[in-house]
Protein backbone atom coordinates (compact mmCIF):
# COMPACT_ATOMS: atom_id res chain seq x y z
CA MET A 1 -15.04 -10.77 4.34
CA HIS A 2 -16.05 -14.45 5.42
CA GLN A 3 -13.81 -16.86 7.50
CA ILE A 4 -12.51 -19.48 5.09
CA GLN A 5 -14.09 -21.40 6.39
CA ASP A 6 -16.81 -20.66 5.22
CA LEU A 7 -15.75 -21.42 1.38
CA THR A 8 -18.22 -24.33 -0.30
CA ARG A 9 -17.15 -27.38 -1.41
CA GLU A 10 -18.17 -26.24 -4.53
CA ALA A 11 -16.36 -23.25 -5.19
CA ALA A 12 -13.16 -24.83 -3.80
CA GLY A 13 -14.19 -28.21 -6.09
CA ARG A 14 -13.55 -25.67 -8.97
CA ILE A 15 -10.10 -24.78 -7.61
CA ARG A 16 -7.20 -25.43 -10.32
CA TYR A 17 -4.54 -22.10 -9.93
CA VAL A 18 -3.84 -20.98 -6.60
CA LEU A 19 -2.08 -17.33 -7.12
CA MET A 20 -0.33 -15.66 -3.96
CA ASP A 21 1.68 -12.56 -2.66
CA ILE A 22 5.03 -13.38 -0.35
CA ASP A 23 5.36 -11.09 1.45
CA ASP A 24 3.19 -11.44 4.81
CA THR A 25 1.11 -13.69 3.23
CA ILE A 26 3.36 -16.93 3.20
CA THR A 27 5.73 -15.76 5.17
CA THR A 28 5.58 -14.20 8.77
CA GLU A 29 7.93 -11.92 10.50
CA GLY A 30 9.67 -12.12 7.25
CA LYS A 31 10.65 -16.14 7.38
CA LEU A 32 8.86 -19.01 4.97
CA PRO A 33 7.70 -21.21 8.06
CA ALA A 34 7.42 -24.90 7.61
CA ASP A 35 4.42 -25.21 7.01
CA SER A 36 3.68 -22.49 4.33
CA TYR A 37 6.20 -23.81 2.32
CA ALA A 38 4.78 -27.87 2.64
CA SER A 39 1.42 -26.24 1.96
CA LEU A 40 3.38 -25.33 -1.46
CA TRP A 41 4.16 -28.97 -2.32
CA ARG A 42 1.05 -29.81 -0.75
CA LEU A 43 -0.73 -27.97 -3.59
CA HIS A 44 1.61 -28.95 -6.30
CA GLU A 45 1.28 -32.71 -5.12
CA ALA A 46 -2.66 -32.10 -5.45
CA GLY A 47 -2.14 -31.21 -9.08
CA ILE A 48 -3.30 -27.79 -8.54
CA ARG A 49 -1.11 -25.08 -10.54
CA VAL A 50 0.97 -22.23 -7.45
CA VAL A 51 1.95 -18.98 -8.72
CA PRO A 52 3.66 -16.44 -6.58
CA ILE A 53 2.05 -12.67 -7.84
CA THR A 54 5.37 -10.99 -5.56
CA GLY A 55 6.60 -6.98 -5.63
CA ARG A 56 9.55 -8.89 -4.89
CA PRO A 57 12.84 -8.42 -7.58
CA ALA A 58 13.60 -9.77 -10.28
CA GLY A 59 16.76 -12.01 -8.28
CA TRP A 60 14.25 -13.40 -6.17
CA CYS A 61 12.51 -14.97 -8.90
CA ASP A 62 15.35 -16.39 -10.66
CA LEU A 63 15.47 -18.55 -7.63
CA ILE A 64 11.69 -19.05 -6.81
CA ALA A 65 10.93 -20.02 -10.74
CA ARG A 66 13.83 -22.81 -9.34
CA GLN A 67 13.54 -24.05 -6.96
CA TRP A 68 10.48 -23.11 -5.59
CA PRO A 69 7.40 -25.97 -5.54
CA VAL A 70 5.23 -23.33 -8.59
CA ASP A 71 4.41 -23.44 -11.38
CA GLY A 72 6.17 -19.94 -12.22
CA VAL A 73 6.08 -16.34 -10.44
CA VAL A 74 5.29 -13.17 -11.07
CA GLY A 75 7.89 -10.91 -9.94
CA GLU A 76 7.92 -6.48 -9.41
CA ASN A 77 4.25 -6.25 -9.35
CA GLY A 78 3.67 -7.70 -12.83
CA ALA A 79 6.70 -6.04 -14.60
CA LEU A 80 7.43 -9.93 -15.75
CA VAL A 81 6.66 -13.25 -14.89
CA PHE A 82 9.70 -16.22 -14.98
CA TRP A 83 8.27 -19.57 -15.16
CA GLU A 84 10.69 -23.32 -16.12
CA GLU A 85 9.50 -25.08 -19.18
CA ASP A 86 11.78 -28.04 -20.61
CA GLY A 87 14.68 -28.21 -19.04
CA HIS A 88 14.97 -24.28 -19.29
CA LEU A 89 13.94 -20.69 -17.21
CA LYS A 90 11.71 -18.80 -18.77
CA ARG A 91 11.28 -15.09 -18.51
CA ILE A 92 8.29 -12.22 -20.24
CA TYR A 93 9.16 -8.93 -19.61
CA HIS A 94 5.89 -6.58 -19.75
CA GLU A 95 6.06 -4.18 -23.11
CA GLN A 96 5.62 -1.57 -21.14
CA ALA A 97 8.18 -1.22 -18.00
CA VAL A 98 10.38 1.01 -17.58
CA PRO A 99 14.39 -0.12 -16.72
CA ASN A 100 14.82 1.88 -13.26
CA ASP A 101 17.61 4.06 -13.74
CA HIS A 102 14.74 7.07 -15.01
CA ALA A 103 14.99 10.29 -14.21
CA VAL A 104 11.71 10.40 -12.63
CA LEU A 105 12.64 7.18 -10.21
CA LYS A 106 15.42 9.02 -9.61
CA ARG A 107 14.08 12.46 -8.42
CA ILE A 108 11.40 10.25 -6.47
CA GLU A 109 14.88 8.98 -4.51
CA GLN A 110 15.88 11.79 -3.79
CA ARG A 111 12.82 13.28 -2.58
CA VAL A 112 11.72 10.46 -0.73
CA LEU A 113 14.67 10.01 1.71
CA VAL A 114 14.81 14.19 2.11
CA GLU A 115 10.70 14.33 2.92
CA VAL A 116 10.33 11.01 4.73
CA GLU A 117 12.59 10.87 7.40
CA GLY A 118 13.92 7.29 8.56
CA THR A 119 12.66 5.90 4.99
CA ARG A 120 15.64 3.84 2.94
CA VAL A 121 15.76 2.27 -0.29
CA ALA A 122 14.86 -1.34 -0.27
CA GLY A 123 17.29 -4.14 0.70
CA ASP A 124 16.86 -6.06 -2.49
CA GLN A 125 17.20 -3.05 -4.46
CA PHE A 126 20.37 -4.60 -6.09
CA GLY A 127 18.31 -7.04 -8.08
CA ARG A 128 15.53 -5.44 -9.53
CA MET A 129 15.35 -4.52 -12.98
CA PHE A 130 12.39 -2.12 -13.28
CA ASP A 131 11.22 -0.82 -10.36
CA LEU A 132 12.74 1.41 -6.92
CA ALA A 133 11.61 -0.37 -3.51
CA ILE A 134 11.32 2.05 -0.41
CA ASP A 135 11.27 0.22 2.63
CA PHE A 136 9.12 1.22 5.71
CA ALA A 137 8.71 -1.52 7.34
CA GLU A 138 11.42 -4.75 6.35
CA GLU A 139 14.11 -3.56 7.84
CA GLU A 140 14.44 -1.26 11.69
CA PRO A 141 13.07 1.36 12.12
CA ARG A 142 9.85 0.29 11.14
CA LEU A 143 7.90 3.53 10.54
CA PRO A 144 4.41 4.23 10.40
CA LEU A 145 1.65 3.58 6.75
CA SER A 146 1.30 7.01 7.35
CA ASP A 147 5.03 7.07 6.04
CA ALA A 148 4.01 4.31 3.04
CA GLN A 149 1.44 6.89 2.36
CA ARG A 150 2.97 9.87 2.21
CA ILE A 151 5.93 8.40 -0.28
CA LYS A 152 3.04 7.18 -2.75
CA GLU A 153 2.28 10.60 -2.63
CA ILE A 154 5.08 12.28 -3.74
CA CYS A 155 5.17 9.40 -6.29
CA GLU A 156 2.38 9.79 -7.34
CA GLN A 157 3.39 13.78 -7.49
CA GLU A 158 6.26 12.87 -10.01
CA GLY A 159 4.53 11.08 -12.68
CA ALA A 160 4.95 7.00 -11.00
CA VAL A 161 3.08 4.33 -10.21
CA ALA A 162 3.26 3.61 -6.27
CA LYS A 163 1.63 0.43 -4.44
CA ILE A 164 1.92 -0.27 -0.81
CA SER A 165 2.97 -3.47 0.10
CA SER A 166 3.37 -5.18 4.00
CA ILE A 167 6.88 -3.40 3.29
CA HIS A 168 7.99 -1.77 0.89
CA VAL A 169 6.39 1.04 -1.20
CA ASN A 170 7.45 0.23 -4.85
CA THR A 171 7.02 2.78 -7.34
CA TRP A 172 7.46 2.07 -11.72
CA MET A 173 6.49 3.98 -14.24
CA GLY A 174 4.71 2.16 -16.47
CA THR A 175 0.43 1.23 -16.88
CA TYR A 176 0.67 -2.73 -15.24
CA ASP A 177 -0.15 -4.73 -12.01
CA LYS A 178 -0.06 -8.69 -10.73
CA LEU A 179 -3.12 -8.67 -12.25
CA SER A 180 -2.57 -8.40 -15.67
CA MET A 181 0.88 -10.25 -15.63
CA ALA A 182 -0.80 -12.66 -14.23
CA SER A 183 -3.66 -13.53 -16.74
CA ARG A 184 -1.45 -12.87 -19.12
CA PHE A 185 0.82 -16.29 -17.83
CA LEU A 186 -1.90 -18.33 -16.60
CA ALA A 187 -3.43 -17.71 -20.46
CA LEU A 188 0.37 -18.27 -21.89
CA ARG A 189 1.58 -21.28 -19.90
CA PHE A 190 -1.68 -22.86 -19.35
CA GLY A 191 -4.94 -22.17 -22.29
CA TYR A 192 -6.39 -19.86 -19.08
CA ASP A 193 -9.87 -18.21 -20.59
CA ASP A 194 -10.64 -15.36 -17.72
CA ALA A 195 -13.77 -14.68 -19.14
CA LYS A 196 -15.15 -18.20 -18.82
CA GLN A 197 -11.75 -19.43 -15.80
CA VAL A 198 -11.92 -17.08 -13.05
CA ALA A 199 -14.17 -19.06 -10.58
CA GLU A 200 -11.44 -22.04 -11.12
CA VAL A 201 -8.89 -19.45 -9.45
CA ILE A 202 -7.97 -18.19 -5.54
CA PHE A 203 -5.83 -16.04 -4.44
CA PHE A 204 -3.85 -14.83 -1.05
CA GLY A 205 -2.94 -11.82 0.03
CA ASP A 206 -2.07 -9.23 2.82
CA SER A 207 -1.91 -5.30 1.23
CA PRO A 208 -2.79 -3.14 -0.43
CA ASN A 209 -1.06 -3.73 -3.69
CA ASP A 210 -3.15 -6.63 -3.66
CA GLU A 211 -6.47 -5.03 -4.19
CA PRO A 212 -6.16 -5.69 -8.16
CA MET A 213 -6.62 -9.59 -7.44
CA PHE A 214 -9.14 -8.97 -4.52
CA THR A 215 -11.31 -6.79 -7.23
CA HIS A 216 -10.97 -9.40 -10.22
CA PHE A 217 -11.09 -12.73 -8.28
CA PRO A 218 -14.50 -14.24 -6.79
CA THR A 219 -12.17 -16.72 -4.65
CA SER A 220 -9.95 -14.15 -2.95
CA VAL A 221 -8.35 -14.81 0.49
CA GLY A 222 -7.14 -12.00 2.44
CA VAL A 223 -4.69 -13.63 5.80
CA ALA A 224 -5.68 -12.36 9.17
CA ASN A 225 -3.21 -9.42 8.76
CA ILE A 226 -4.82 -8.10 6.42
CA ALA A 227 -7.07 -6.07 8.70
CA ASP A 228 -4.24 -3.52 9.56
CA TYR A 229 -4.40 -2.66 5.89
CA ALA A 230 -8.40 -2.38 5.60
CA HIS A 231 -8.78 1.32 6.12
CA LEU A 232 -6.84 1.85 2.61
CA MET A 233 -8.69 -0.80 0.58
CA ARG A 234 -11.62 0.04 -1.17
CA VAL A 235 -12.36 -3.73 -2.48
CA LEU A 236 -11.29 -6.77 0.57
CA PRO A 237 -10.99 -10.08 -0.21
CA ALA A 238 -14.34 -12.08 0.21
CA PHE A 239 -12.72 -14.28 2.55
CA THR A 240 -10.34 -14.36 5.80
CA THR A 241 -8.03 -16.56 7.86
CA SER A 242 -8.14 -17.29 11.49
CA LEU A 243 -4.25 -17.10 11.61
CA LYS A 244 -1.97 -14.36 10.29
CA GLY A 245 0.96 -13.94 7.70
CA GLY A 246 2.36 -17.93 6.71
CA LEU A 247 0.18 -19.57 9.76
CA GLY A 248 -2.85 -18.15 8.15
CA PHE A 249 -2.17 -19.25 4.08
CA ALA A 250 -1.16 -22.92 5.57
CA GLU A 251 -4.96 -22.75 7.24
CA GLY A 252 -6.19 -21.40 3.43
CA VAL A 253 -4.39 -24.70 2.23
CA THR A 254 -5.55 -26.94 4.33
CA VAL A 255 -9.05 -25.33 4.60
CA LEU A 256 -9.15 -25.30 0.15
CA LEU A 257 -7.43 -29.09 0.38
CA GLU A 258 -10.22 -30.67 2.98
CA LYS A 259 -13.28 -29.37 0.93
CA ARG A 260 -11.80 -30.46 -2.27
CA ARG A 261 -11.30 -34.17 -1.24
CA GLU A 262 -15.48 -33.41 -0.12
CA ALA A 263 -16.63 -32.36 -3.61
């Protein structure tokens, strides 16, 4: 990984879309720092399209789409996307997304809570439509990554998809991910052509569930805490920041905007 300061002026000048994970990418220890939120506004005011790509629930996405300076939000790891248009909140649900009362997810929940001591269903589960989130590091007790890996194994043994974030293991039925819904939304809303415009996107992330985005977008950035998960990933981002979490995101945005002005 290169330092974000190595981003070229030419690459920065091409960027029209900024996509980012939320937890531990634009947040720090569970909070959204003022510098990080201000960076969203700086991007918005620069005319750059801003779209969070998160594993957080539909209920959170409703608020984010309405109240944050963003052009849409992809939630539940690609199951849905919400955005405002013409004074209305609009929604797309992936056609392969299966409601989270599915018998397989219920069985996974029972197994995980019994087989991995200290785990619990995530506190935001009530706001979810399509996935089951198991908390291993958002609330206490914070469990090791080895427990998250064991949870993922159980999910996959039962035939579900599972991804590890910095705080949860998310599991669902259906073949979709953050990348597929992000690309679909950009094409629908802005006429984005992935085959021709992939260099116009920069993505910020921090953990294994961001790997499809790191793999696809050549201009990808991991905030400094990506180092904690490098051993779980086959593809790392092209760039990294010197700071962690939300401060790392603000660092990356500052570099991006400065390089754009120089281009």
